[in-house]
Amino acid sequence: MLFESEAEYLDEEFRQEHIKQSELNGTLFSDCTFYGCSFLETTFRYCRFSECTFHDCDLSLVNVRGTSFRNVIFRTSKVIGVNWSVASWSTFTSQSPINFYDCVINYSTFIGLSLPKISFNGCIAKDVDFSEADLTGADFQNATLTMSHFRKTNLTDSNFENAIEYALDITKNTVSKTRFSLPEAYTLLHNLDDIILVE
């Protein structure tokens, strides 16, 4: 296998590398760029990713238990079915250590995480669980949020402009200075007893 446990990969570029159902323990990736790589069902246990970027990669069903991330970007990649809640996150952060742009992140979990200013711009996020997460300042612009779950989620200063198919109960989430665009924003009124919608 190209990658090894306990190894360090610094300032490297990887193209079209494919591993599946493998396990890496304690591996460090710093300033690395991945193009068209596949890590399907791979376990990254107590690994570290710092200043890395993934382009057109497949990280579906990866296990990130105990793994830490710092300034990691996913672009036009498939990151499906990932439980991000089991990763290792810094307690104090003013900006999210991970960001997604034009990715497919269906069936993933962000329950209870503090990821301020995280980007999901242009992502397809079907049945993703954002419950009890602090997503202050998050960017959901142009995202498709079919059946995704927001419950006790802090969405202060978040941006949902041109996002579609979200079902967001504003009485059960923190919504302050949050930006929405019409016509999708009409769905926010359905849970308000004193509001009557007319055609």
N, C-alpha and C. Protein backbone atom coordinates (compact mmCIF):
# COMPACT_ATOMS: atom_id res chain seq x y z
N MET A 1 0.84 -1.19 0.00
CA MET A 1 0.00 0.00 0.00
C MET A 1 0.88 1.24 0.00
N LEU A 2 0.45 2.27 -0.72
CA LEU A 2 1.23 3.50 -0.82
C LEU A 2 1.42 4.15 0.54
N PHE A 3 0.34 4.24 1.32
CA PHE A 3 0.40 4.93 2.61
C PHE A 3 0.65 3.94 3.74
N GLU A 4 1.41 4.38 4.74
CA GLU A 4 1.74 3.50 5.86
C GLU A 4 1.37 4.15 7.18
N SER A 5 1.04 3.35 8.17
CA SER A 5 0.77 3.84 9.50
C SER A 5 2.03 4.44 10.11
N GLU A 6 1.83 5.44 10.96
CA GLU A 6 2.91 6.11 11.68
C GLU A 6 3.88 6.85 10.76
N ALA A 7 3.55 6.94 9.49
CA ALA A 7 4.43 7.64 8.55
C ALA A 7 4.07 9.13 8.50
N GLU A 8 4.98 9.94 7.94
CA GLU A 8 4.74 11.36 7.76
C GLU A 8 4.88 11.70 6.28
N TYR A 9 3.86 12.38 5.75
CA TYR A 9 3.87 12.80 4.34
C TYR A 9 3.77 14.32 4.34
N LEU A 10 4.84 14.98 3.92
CA LEU A 10 4.94 16.42 4.00
C LEU A 10 5.07 17.04 2.62
N ASP A 11 4.16 17.98 2.33
CA ASP A 11 4.23 18.74 1.08
C ASP A 11 4.32 17.81 -0.14
N GLU A 12 3.44 16.83 -0.18
CA GLU A 12 3.43 15.88 -1.30
C GLU A 12 2.14 16.00 -2.10
N GLU A 13 2.21 15.57 -3.35
CA GLU A 13 1.06 15.57 -4.24
C GLU A 13 0.76 14.14 -4.67
N PHE A 14 -0.48 13.75 -4.49
CA PHE A 14 -0.89 12.38 -4.84
C PHE A 14 -1.96 12.44 -5.92
N ARG A 15 -1.79 11.63 -6.95
CA ARG A 15 -2.75 11.59 -8.05
C ARG A 15 -3.21 10.16 -8.33
N GLN A 16 -4.53 10.01 -8.43
CA GLN A 16 -5.13 8.73 -8.81
C GLN A 16 -4.67 7.56 -7.95
N GLU A 17 -4.47 7.82 -6.68
CA GLU A 17 -4.13 6.74 -5.77
C GLU A 17 -5.42 6.14 -5.22
N HIS A 18 -5.50 4.82 -5.15
CA HIS A 18 -6.74 4.16 -4.74
C HIS A 18 -6.44 3.11 -3.67
N ILE A 19 -7.03 3.31 -2.51
CA ILE A 19 -6.99 2.29 -1.47
C ILE A 19 -8.41 2.07 -0.97
N LYS A 20 -8.69 0.86 -0.54
CA LYS A 20 -10.06 0.52 -0.14
C LYS A 20 -10.04 -0.40 1.08
N GLN A 21 -10.90 -0.06 2.04
CA GLN A 21 -11.05 -0.88 3.25
C GLN A 21 -9.70 -1.13 3.92
N SER A 22 -8.86 -0.11 3.90
CA SER A 22 -7.56 -0.21 4.55
C SER A 22 -7.61 0.52 5.90
N GLU A 23 -6.53 0.45 6.65
CA GLU A 23 -6.48 1.14 7.93
C GLU A 23 -5.13 1.81 8.11
N LEU A 24 -5.17 3.10 8.44
CA LEU A 24 -3.96 3.85 8.75
C LEU A 24 -4.05 4.35 10.18
N ASN A 25 -3.00 4.15 10.94
CA ASN A 25 -2.97 4.56 12.34
C ASN A 25 -1.84 5.56 12.57
N GLY A 26 -2.19 6.73 13.11
CA GLY A 26 -1.18 7.70 13.49
C GLY A 26 -0.39 8.30 12.35
N THR A 27 -0.95 8.33 11.16
CA THR A 27 -0.25 8.88 9.99
C THR A 27 -0.47 10.39 9.91
N LEU A 28 0.58 11.12 9.55
CA LEU A 28 0.51 12.57 9.41
C LEU A 28 0.56 12.96 7.94
N PHE A 29 -0.40 13.80 7.53
CA PHE A 29 -0.39 14.39 6.19
C PHE A 29 -0.36 15.91 6.39
N SER A 30 0.69 16.55 5.94
CA SER A 30 0.83 17.99 6.11
C SER A 30 1.13 18.65 4.76
N ASP A 31 0.34 19.66 4.41
CA ASP A 31 0.53 20.38 3.15
C ASP A 31 0.49 19.44 1.94
N CYS A 32 -0.40 18.46 2.00
CA CYS A 32 -0.52 17.50 0.89
C CYS A 32 -1.75 17.82 0.04
N THR A 33 -1.66 17.50 -1.24
CA THR A 33 -2.77 17.70 -2.16
C THR A 33 -3.10 16.37 -2.83
N PHE A 34 -4.37 16.06 -2.87
CA PHE A 34 -4.84 14.79 -3.44
C PHE A 34 -5.73 15.09 -4.65
N TYR A 35 -5.41 14.46 -5.78
CA TYR A 35 -6.20 14.63 -7.00
C TYR A 35 -6.75 13.28 -7.45
N GLY A 36 -8.06 13.16 -7.53
CA GLY A 36 -8.67 11.94 -8.06
C GLY A 36 -8.34 10.69 -7.29
N CYS A 37 -8.12 10.83 -5.99
CA CYS A 37 -7.78 9.66 -5.17
C CYS A 37 -9.04 9.06 -4.54
N SER A 38 -8.97 7.79 -4.22
CA SER A 38 -10.10 7.10 -3.59
C SER A 38 -9.63 6.42 -2.30
N PHE A 39 -10.40 6.68 -1.23
CA PHE A 39 -10.10 6.08 0.07
C PHE A 39 -11.35 5.35 0.60
N LEU A 40 -12.09 4.74 -0.28
CA LEU A 40 -13.38 4.14 0.05
C LEU A 40 -13.28 3.20 1.25
N GLU A 41 -14.09 3.47 2.29
CA GLU A 41 -14.20 2.63 3.48
C GLU A 41 -12.87 2.47 4.23
N THR A 42 -11.99 3.42 4.08
CA THR A 42 -10.71 3.37 4.78
C THR A 42 -10.83 3.96 6.18
N THR A 43 -10.12 3.39 7.12
CA THR A 43 -10.11 3.90 8.49
C THR A 43 -8.85 4.73 8.72
N PHE A 44 -9.05 5.99 9.08
CA PHE A 44 -7.96 6.87 9.49
C PHE A 44 -8.07 7.01 11.00
N ARG A 45 -7.30 6.23 11.72
CA ARG A 45 -7.41 6.22 13.18
C ARG A 45 -6.27 7.03 13.80
N TYR A 46 -6.64 8.09 14.50
CA TYR A 46 -5.67 8.97 15.16
C TYR A 46 -4.62 9.50 14.18
N CYS A 47 -5.08 9.81 12.98
CA CYS A 47 -4.21 10.45 11.98
C CYS A 47 -4.34 11.96 12.10
N ARG A 48 -3.49 12.69 11.37
CA ARG A 48 -3.55 14.15 11.37
C ARG A 48 -3.46 14.66 9.94
N PHE A 49 -4.41 15.52 9.60
CA PHE A 49 -4.41 16.18 8.30
C PHE A 49 -4.28 17.68 8.55
N SER A 50 -3.23 18.29 8.02
CA SER A 50 -3.00 19.71 8.23
C SER A 50 -2.71 20.39 6.89
N GLU A 51 -3.48 21.43 6.59
CA GLU A 51 -3.28 22.22 5.37
C GLU A 51 -3.35 21.33 4.12
N CYS A 52 -4.28 20.40 4.08
CA CYS A 52 -4.42 19.50 2.94
C CYS A 52 -5.65 19.86 2.09
N THR A 53 -5.60 19.51 0.81
CA THR A 53 -6.72 19.75 -0.09
C THR A 53 -7.00 18.49 -0.90
N PHE A 54 -8.28 18.15 -0.99
CA PHE A 54 -8.74 17.00 -1.78
C PHE A 54 -9.54 17.51 -2.98
N HIS A 55 -9.12 17.14 -4.18
CA HIS A 55 -9.82 17.50 -5.41
C HIS A 55 -10.36 16.24 -6.08
N ASP A 56 -11.65 16.21 -6.35
CA ASP A 56 -12.26 15.10 -7.10
C ASP A 56 -11.91 13.74 -6.48
N CYS A 57 -11.95 13.67 -5.16
CA CYS A 57 -11.62 12.43 -4.46
C CYS A 57 -12.88 11.74 -3.95
N ASP A 58 -12.73 10.47 -3.61
CA ASP A 58 -13.83 9.70 -3.01
C ASP A 58 -13.40 9.24 -1.62
N LEU A 59 -14.01 9.85 -0.61
CA LEU A 59 -13.75 9.47 0.78
C LEU A 59 -15.02 8.91 1.42
N SER A 60 -15.83 8.25 0.64
CA SER A 60 -17.08 7.71 1.14
C SER A 60 -16.84 6.63 2.19
N LEU A 61 -17.61 6.73 3.27
CA LEU A 61 -17.60 5.74 4.35
C LEU A 61 -16.25 5.63 5.05
N VAL A 62 -15.46 6.70 5.03
CA VAL A 62 -14.21 6.65 5.78
C VAL A 62 -14.52 6.78 7.28
N ASN A 63 -13.66 6.19 8.08
CA ASN A 63 -13.77 6.28 9.53
C ASN A 63 -12.67 7.22 10.03
N VAL A 64 -13.06 8.29 10.71
CA VAL A 64 -12.07 9.29 11.12
C VAL A 64 -11.94 9.35 12.65
N ARG A 65 -12.16 8.25 13.31
CA ARG A 65 -12.13 8.23 14.78
C ARG A 65 -10.77 8.70 15.31
N GLY A 66 -10.81 9.73 16.14
CA GLY A 66 -9.59 10.24 16.76
C GLY A 66 -8.70 11.04 15.84
N THR A 67 -9.10 11.22 14.61
CA THR A 67 -8.26 11.94 13.64
C THR A 67 -8.52 13.45 13.73
N SER A 68 -7.48 14.24 13.58
CA SER A 68 -7.61 15.69 13.68
C SER A 68 -7.42 16.34 12.31
N PHE A 69 -8.04 17.50 12.16
CA PHE A 69 -8.00 18.23 10.89
C PHE A 69 -7.69 19.69 11.17
N ARG A 70 -6.87 20.27 10.32
CA ARG A 70 -6.58 21.71 10.42
C ARG A 70 -6.44 22.28 9.02
N ASN A 71 -7.36 23.21 8.70
CA ASN A 71 -7.36 23.86 7.38
C ASN A 71 -7.36 22.85 6.24
N VAL A 72 -8.33 21.95 6.28
CA VAL A 72 -8.47 20.93 5.24
C VAL A 72 -9.66 21.29 4.34
N ILE A 73 -9.45 21.22 3.05
CA ILE A 73 -10.47 21.60 2.08
C ILE A 73 -10.81 20.41 1.19
N PHE A 74 -12.11 20.20 0.99
CA PHE A 74 -12.60 19.18 0.06
C PHE A 74 -13.31 19.90 -1.08
N ARG A 75 -12.87 19.64 -2.32
CA ARG A 75 -13.48 20.25 -3.49
C ARG A 75 -13.98 19.17 -4.46
N THR A 76 -15.20 19.35 -4.91
CA THR A 76 -15.83 18.44 -5.88
C THR A 76 -15.53 16.97 -5.56
N SER A 77 -15.67 16.63 -4.30
CA SER A 77 -15.36 15.27 -3.85
C SER A 77 -16.60 14.60 -3.26
N LYS A 78 -16.56 13.28 -3.16
CA LYS A 78 -17.61 12.51 -2.51
C LYS A 78 -17.13 12.16 -1.10
N VAL A 79 -17.85 12.68 -0.11
CA VAL A 79 -17.50 12.43 1.29
C VAL A 79 -18.78 11.95 1.97
N ILE A 80 -19.22 10.78 1.55
CA ILE A 80 -20.56 10.27 1.90
C ILE A 80 -20.49 9.34 3.11
N GLY A 81 -21.48 9.49 4.00
CA GLY A 81 -21.61 8.56 5.11
C GLY A 81 -20.50 8.65 6.15
N VAL A 82 -20.00 9.85 6.39
CA VAL A 82 -18.90 10.03 7.34
C VAL A 82 -19.44 10.57 8.66
N ASN A 83 -19.07 9.94 9.76
CA ASN A 83 -19.44 10.42 11.09
C ASN A 83 -18.32 11.32 11.60
N TRP A 84 -18.46 12.61 11.37
CA TRP A 84 -17.43 13.57 11.77
C TRP A 84 -17.39 13.77 13.28
N SER A 85 -18.43 13.33 13.97
CA SER A 85 -18.49 13.53 15.42
C SER A 85 -17.44 12.72 16.18
N VAL A 86 -16.88 11.69 15.55
CA VAL A 86 -15.90 10.84 16.25
C VAL A 86 -14.46 11.30 16.02
N ALA A 87 -14.28 12.35 15.21
CA ALA A 87 -12.93 12.88 14.99
C ALA A 87 -12.49 13.67 16.21
N SER A 88 -11.23 14.07 16.22
CA SER A 88 -10.68 14.86 17.32
C SER A 88 -10.71 16.33 16.92
N TRP A 89 -11.44 17.14 17.69
CA TRP A 89 -11.62 18.55 17.35
C TRP A 89 -11.04 19.44 18.44
N SER A 90 -10.44 20.52 18.04
CA SER A 90 -9.93 21.50 18.99
C SER A 90 -11.10 22.16 19.72
N THR A 91 -10.93 22.36 21.01
CA THR A 91 -11.99 22.97 21.81
C THR A 91 -12.17 24.44 21.46
N PHE A 92 -11.06 25.11 21.18
CA PHE A 92 -11.12 26.54 20.89
C PHE A 92 -10.75 26.79 19.43
N THR A 93 -11.73 27.24 18.67
CA THR A 93 -11.48 27.54 17.26
C THR A 93 -12.41 28.64 16.80
N SER A 94 -11.88 29.59 16.05
CA SER A 94 -12.71 30.68 15.53
C SER A 94 -13.13 30.42 14.10
N GLN A 95 -12.61 29.34 13.53
CA GLN A 95 -12.93 29.01 12.15
C GLN A 95 -12.88 27.50 11.98
N SER A 96 -13.76 26.98 11.15
CA SER A 96 -13.84 25.53 10.97
C SER A 96 -12.55 24.98 10.38
N PRO A 97 -12.08 23.85 10.92
CA PRO A 97 -10.86 23.23 10.38
C PRO A 97 -11.10 22.44 9.09
N ILE A 98 -12.37 22.27 8.70
CA ILE A 98 -12.69 21.59 7.44
C ILE A 98 -13.71 22.43 6.68
N ASN A 99 -13.63 22.37 5.34
CA ASN A 99 -14.59 23.08 4.49
C ASN A 99 -14.86 22.26 3.24
N PHE A 100 -16.10 22.35 2.77
CA PHE A 100 -16.53 21.57 1.61
C PHE A 100 -17.05 22.52 0.53
N TYR A 101 -16.61 22.30 -0.71
CA TYR A 101 -17.06 23.10 -1.84
C TYR A 101 -17.49 22.17 -2.98
N ASP A 102 -18.77 22.27 -3.35
CA ASP A 102 -19.31 21.47 -4.46
C ASP A 102 -19.09 19.97 -4.26
N CYS A 103 -19.26 19.53 -3.04
CA CYS A 103 -19.07 18.11 -2.70
C CYS A 103 -20.41 17.41 -2.50
N VAL A 104 -20.39 16.10 -2.50
CA VAL A 104 -21.53 15.29 -2.10
C VAL A 104 -21.22 14.73 -0.72
N ILE A 105 -22.02 15.13 0.28
CA ILE A 105 -21.73 14.73 1.66
C ILE A 105 -22.93 14.01 2.27
N ASN A 106 -23.72 13.35 1.45
CA ASN A 106 -24.95 12.68 1.90
C ASN A 106 -24.68 11.74 3.09
N TYR A 107 -25.70 11.63 3.96
CA TYR A 107 -25.72 10.66 5.06
C TYR A 107 -24.56 10.83 6.04
N SER A 108 -24.06 12.03 6.17
CA SER A 108 -22.98 12.30 7.11
C SER A 108 -23.53 12.87 8.41
N THR A 109 -22.68 12.91 9.45
CA THR A 109 -23.11 13.34 10.78
C THR A 109 -22.15 14.39 11.34
N PHE A 110 -22.75 15.50 11.80
CA PHE A 110 -21.99 16.58 12.43
C PHE A 110 -22.57 16.89 13.82
N ILE A 111 -23.20 15.91 14.44
CA ILE A 111 -23.93 16.13 15.68
C ILE A 111 -23.03 16.70 16.78
N GLY A 112 -23.47 17.82 17.35
CA GLY A 112 -22.80 18.39 18.52
C GLY A 112 -21.46 19.06 18.28
N LEU A 113 -21.05 19.21 17.03
CA LEU A 113 -19.73 19.78 16.75
C LEU A 113 -19.78 21.31 16.73
N SER A 114 -18.67 21.93 17.06
CA SER A 114 -18.52 23.37 16.95
C SER A 114 -17.63 23.66 15.75
N LEU A 115 -18.26 24.09 14.65
CA LEU A 115 -17.54 24.32 13.40
C LEU A 115 -17.92 25.69 12.84
N PRO A 116 -17.50 26.76 13.52
CA PRO A 116 -17.87 28.10 13.06
C PRO A 116 -17.29 28.40 11.68
N LYS A 117 -18.11 29.06 10.88
CA LYS A 117 -17.72 29.51 9.54
C LYS A 117 -17.43 28.36 8.58
N ILE A 118 -17.95 27.19 8.86
CA ILE A 118 -17.74 26.07 7.94
C ILE A 118 -18.46 26.33 6.62
N SER A 119 -17.90 25.86 5.54
CA SER A 119 -18.52 26.03 4.23
C SER A 119 -19.06 24.70 3.71
N PHE A 120 -20.32 24.77 3.25
CA PHE A 120 -20.94 23.67 2.50
C PHE A 120 -21.39 24.22 1.15
N ASN A 121 -20.71 25.21 0.67
CA ASN A 121 -21.12 25.93 -0.54
C ASN A 121 -21.23 24.99 -1.74
N GLY A 122 -22.43 24.97 -2.34
CA GLY A 122 -22.65 24.17 -3.53
C GLY A 122 -22.72 22.68 -3.30
N CYS A 123 -22.82 22.26 -2.04
CA CYS A 123 -22.80 20.83 -1.74
C CYS A 123 -24.18 20.19 -1.85
N ILE A 124 -24.19 18.90 -2.14
CA ILE A 124 -25.40 18.08 -2.04
C ILE A 124 -25.31 17.37 -0.71
N ALA A 125 -26.24 17.69 0.18
CA ALA A 125 -26.19 17.19 1.56
C ALA A 125 -27.53 16.54 1.91
N LYS A 126 -27.75 15.36 1.40
CA LYS A 126 -29.00 14.65 1.66
C LYS A 126 -28.91 13.86 2.96
N ASP A 127 -29.92 14.05 3.82
CA ASP A 127 -30.02 13.30 5.08
C ASP A 127 -28.75 13.44 5.91
N VAL A 128 -28.29 14.66 6.05
CA VAL A 128 -27.13 14.96 6.89
C VAL A 128 -27.64 15.48 8.23
N ASP A 129 -27.02 15.05 9.32
CA ASP A 129 -27.49 15.43 10.65
C ASP A 129 -26.60 16.53 11.24
N PHE A 130 -27.18 17.73 11.37
CA PHE A 130 -26.48 18.88 11.95
C PHE A 130 -27.00 19.18 13.36
N SER A 131 -27.68 18.25 13.99
CA SER A 131 -28.31 18.49 15.29
C SER A 131 -27.31 18.93 16.34
N GLU A 132 -27.71 19.95 17.14
CA GLU A 132 -26.94 20.43 18.29
C GLU A 132 -25.54 20.92 17.93
N ALA A 133 -25.31 21.20 16.65
CA ALA A 133 -24.00 21.71 16.23
C ALA A 133 -23.98 23.24 16.29
N ASP A 134 -22.82 23.80 16.52
CA ASP A 134 -22.63 25.25 16.44
C ASP A 134 -22.06 25.56 15.07
N LEU A 135 -22.93 26.05 14.19
CA LEU A 135 -22.53 26.36 12.82
C LEU A 135 -22.63 27.87 12.59
N THR A 136 -22.24 28.63 13.59
CA THR A 136 -22.26 30.08 13.48
C THR A 136 -21.45 30.53 12.26
N GLY A 137 -22.09 31.35 11.43
CA GLY A 137 -21.39 31.87 10.26
C GLY A 137 -21.18 30.87 9.15
N ALA A 138 -21.90 29.76 9.18
CA ALA A 138 -21.72 28.72 8.15
C ALA A 138 -22.22 29.20 6.79
N ASP A 139 -21.61 28.66 5.76
CA ASP A 139 -21.98 29.01 4.38
C ASP A 139 -22.68 27.82 3.73
N PHE A 140 -24.01 27.94 3.58
CA PHE A 140 -24.81 26.91 2.91
C PHE A 140 -25.27 27.39 1.53
N GLN A 141 -24.64 28.39 0.99
CA GLN A 141 -25.08 28.93 -0.29
C GLN A 141 -25.08 27.85 -1.38
N ASN A 142 -26.18 27.84 -2.14
CA ASN A 142 -26.31 26.93 -3.28
C ASN A 142 -26.29 25.45 -2.90
N ALA A 143 -26.49 25.16 -1.62
CA ALA A 143 -26.50 23.76 -1.18
C ALA A 143 -27.88 23.15 -1.35
N THR A 144 -27.91 21.84 -1.57
CA THR A 144 -29.15 21.07 -1.61
C THR A 144 -29.23 20.25 -0.34
N LEU A 145 -30.24 20.51 0.50
CA LEU A 145 -30.27 19.97 1.86
C LEU A 145 -31.47 19.05 2.08
N THR A 146 -31.76 18.22 1.11
CA THR A 146 -32.91 17.32 1.18
C THR A 146 -32.86 16.43 2.42
N MET A 147 -33.90 16.49 3.24
CA MET A 147 -34.07 15.64 4.42
C MET A 147 -32.95 15.79 5.46
N SER A 148 -32.19 16.87 5.39
CA SER A 148 -31.15 17.08 6.40
C SER A 148 -31.78 17.59 7.69
N HIS A 149 -31.11 17.32 8.81
CA HIS A 149 -31.70 17.54 10.12
C HIS A 149 -31.03 18.71 10.84
N PHE A 150 -31.86 19.68 11.23
CA PHE A 150 -31.42 20.80 12.05
C PHE A 150 -32.28 20.79 13.32
N ARG A 151 -31.66 20.54 14.45
CA ARG A 151 -32.39 20.53 15.72
C ARG A 151 -31.44 21.05 16.81
N LYS A 152 -31.85 22.14 17.44
CA LYS A 152 -31.00 22.82 18.42
C LYS A 152 -29.65 23.20 17.80
N THR A 153 -29.69 23.57 16.55
CA THR A 153 -28.48 23.95 15.82
C THR A 153 -28.31 25.47 15.86
N ASN A 154 -27.11 25.93 16.11
CA ASN A 154 -26.84 27.36 16.12
C ASN A 154 -26.46 27.80 14.71
N LEU A 155 -27.38 28.55 14.10
CA LEU A 155 -27.17 29.00 12.72
C LEU A 155 -27.05 30.52 12.64
N THR A 156 -26.60 31.12 13.74
CA THR A 156 -26.40 32.57 13.78
C THR A 156 -25.44 33.01 12.68
N ASP A 157 -25.86 34.04 11.94
CA ASP A 157 -25.02 34.62 10.87
C ASP A 157 -24.74 33.66 9.72
N SER A 158 -25.46 32.56 9.65
CA SER A 158 -25.24 31.61 8.55
C SER A 158 -25.93 32.10 7.27
N ASN A 159 -25.48 31.57 6.16
CA ASN A 159 -25.98 32.03 4.86
C ASN A 159 -26.59 30.87 4.08
N PHE A 160 -27.92 30.95 3.86
CA PHE A 160 -28.64 29.93 3.10
C PHE A 160 -29.10 30.46 1.74
N GLU A 161 -28.46 31.50 1.26
CA GLU A 161 -28.88 32.07 -0.02
C GLU A 161 -28.78 31.04 -1.14
N ASN A 162 -29.87 30.89 -1.87
CA ASN A 162 -29.97 29.95 -3.00
C ASN A 162 -29.83 28.48 -2.58
N ALA A 163 -29.88 28.21 -1.29
CA ALA A 163 -29.95 26.81 -0.84
C ALA A 163 -31.38 26.31 -1.06
N ILE A 164 -31.54 25.01 -1.29
CA ILE A 164 -32.87 24.48 -1.58
C ILE A 164 -33.15 23.21 -0.78
N GLU A 165 -34.44 22.93 -0.67
CA GLU A 165 -34.95 21.67 -0.11
C GLU A 165 -34.60 21.48 1.37
N TYR A 166 -34.43 22.57 2.10
CA TYR A 166 -34.20 22.43 3.53
C TYR A 166 -35.52 22.51 4.28
N ALA A 167 -35.59 21.79 5.40
CA ALA A 167 -36.73 21.85 6.30
C ALA A 167 -36.22 22.28 7.65
N LEU A 168 -36.38 23.55 7.95
CA LEU A 168 -35.74 24.13 9.12
C LEU A 168 -36.80 24.78 10.00
N ASP A 169 -36.98 24.25 11.19
CA ASP A 169 -37.93 24.80 12.15
C ASP A 169 -37.22 25.90 12.93
N ILE A 170 -37.58 27.15 12.67
CA ILE A 170 -36.87 28.26 13.30
C ILE A 170 -37.22 28.40 14.78
N THR A 171 -38.21 27.65 15.26
CA THR A 171 -38.53 27.68 16.69
C THR A 171 -37.68 26.68 17.47
N LYS A 172 -36.97 25.80 16.77
CA LYS A 172 -36.18 24.78 17.45
C LYS A 172 -34.69 24.91 17.16
N ASN A 173 -34.33 26.01 16.52
CA ASN A 173 -32.93 26.29 16.21
C ASN A 173 -32.63 27.75 16.51
N THR A 174 -31.35 28.07 16.63
CA THR A 174 -30.96 29.46 16.84
C THR A 174 -30.74 30.11 15.48
N VAL A 175 -31.65 31.02 15.15
CA VAL A 175 -31.60 31.68 13.85
C VAL A 175 -31.59 33.19 14.09
N SER A 176 -30.42 33.79 13.98
CA SER A 176 -30.28 35.23 14.20
C SER A 176 -29.35 35.79 13.13
N LYS A 177 -29.82 36.77 12.41
CA LYS A 177 -29.06 37.37 11.30
C LYS A 177 -28.70 36.32 10.26
N THR A 178 -29.53 35.29 10.18
CA THR A 178 -29.31 34.24 9.19
C THR A 178 -29.94 34.66 7.87
N ARG A 179 -29.25 34.44 6.77
CA ARG A 179 -29.71 34.90 5.47
C ARG A 179 -30.37 33.77 4.69
N PHE A 180 -31.58 34.06 4.21
CA PHE A 180 -32.33 33.12 3.38
C PHE A 180 -32.79 33.85 2.13
N SER A 181 -33.08 33.11 1.10
CA SER A 181 -33.59 33.73 -0.12
C SER A 181 -34.91 33.09 -0.53
N LEU A 182 -35.75 33.88 -1.19
CA LEU A 182 -37.03 33.39 -1.69
C LEU A 182 -36.81 32.62 -2.98
N PRO A 183 -37.72 31.67 -3.31
CA PRO A 183 -38.96 31.35 -2.58
C PRO A 183 -38.77 30.34 -1.44
N GLU A 184 -37.58 29.78 -1.31
CA GLU A 184 -37.37 28.69 -0.35
C GLU A 184 -37.63 29.15 1.09
N ALA A 185 -37.41 30.42 1.36
CA ALA A 185 -37.57 30.93 2.72
C ALA A 185 -39.02 30.84 3.22
N TYR A 186 -39.98 30.71 2.32
CA TYR A 186 -41.38 30.58 2.75
C TYR A 186 -41.58 29.36 3.65
N THR A 187 -40.76 28.35 3.48
CA THR A 187 -40.92 27.13 4.29
C THR A 187 -40.64 27.40 5.77
N LEU A 188 -39.92 28.48 6.08
CA LEU A 188 -39.61 28.80 7.46
C LEU A 188 -40.84 29.23 8.25
N LEU A 189 -41.89 29.64 7.55
CA LEU A 189 -43.07 30.16 8.22
C LEU A 189 -44.06 29.08 8.63
N HIS A 190 -43.87 27.87 8.15
CA HIS A 190 -44.87 26.82 8.38
C HIS A 190 -45.01 26.43 9.84
N ASN A 191 -44.01 26.65 10.64
CA ASN A 191 -44.07 26.25 12.04
C ASN A 191 -44.44 27.40 12.98
N LEU A 192 -44.85 28.53 12.40
CA LEU A 192 -45.25 29.67 13.20
C LEU A 192 -46.77 29.73 13.25
N ASP A 193 -47.33 29.55 14.43
CA ASP A 193 -48.78 29.44 14.59
C ASP A 193 -49.52 30.72 14.18
N ASP A 194 -48.87 31.87 14.31
CA ASP A 194 -49.56 33.14 14.07
C ASP A 194 -49.44 33.61 12.64
N ILE A 195 -48.84 32.79 11.79
CA ILE A 195 -48.64 33.19 10.40
C ILE A 195 -49.55 32.37 9.50
N ILE A 196 -50.26 33.05 8.59
CA ILE A 196 -51.11 32.37 7.63
C ILE A 196 -50.59 32.69 6.24
N LEU A 197 -50.25 31.67 5.49
CA LEU A 197 -49.77 31.85 4.14
C LEU A 197 -50.94 31.81 3.16
N VAL A 198 -51.00 32.75 2.24
CA VAL A 198 -52.06 32.78 1.23
C VAL A 198 -51.43 32.89 -0.14
N GLU A 199 -52.11 32.34 -1.10
CA GLU A 199 -51.60 32.43 -2.48
C GLU A 199 -51.93 33.80 -3.07
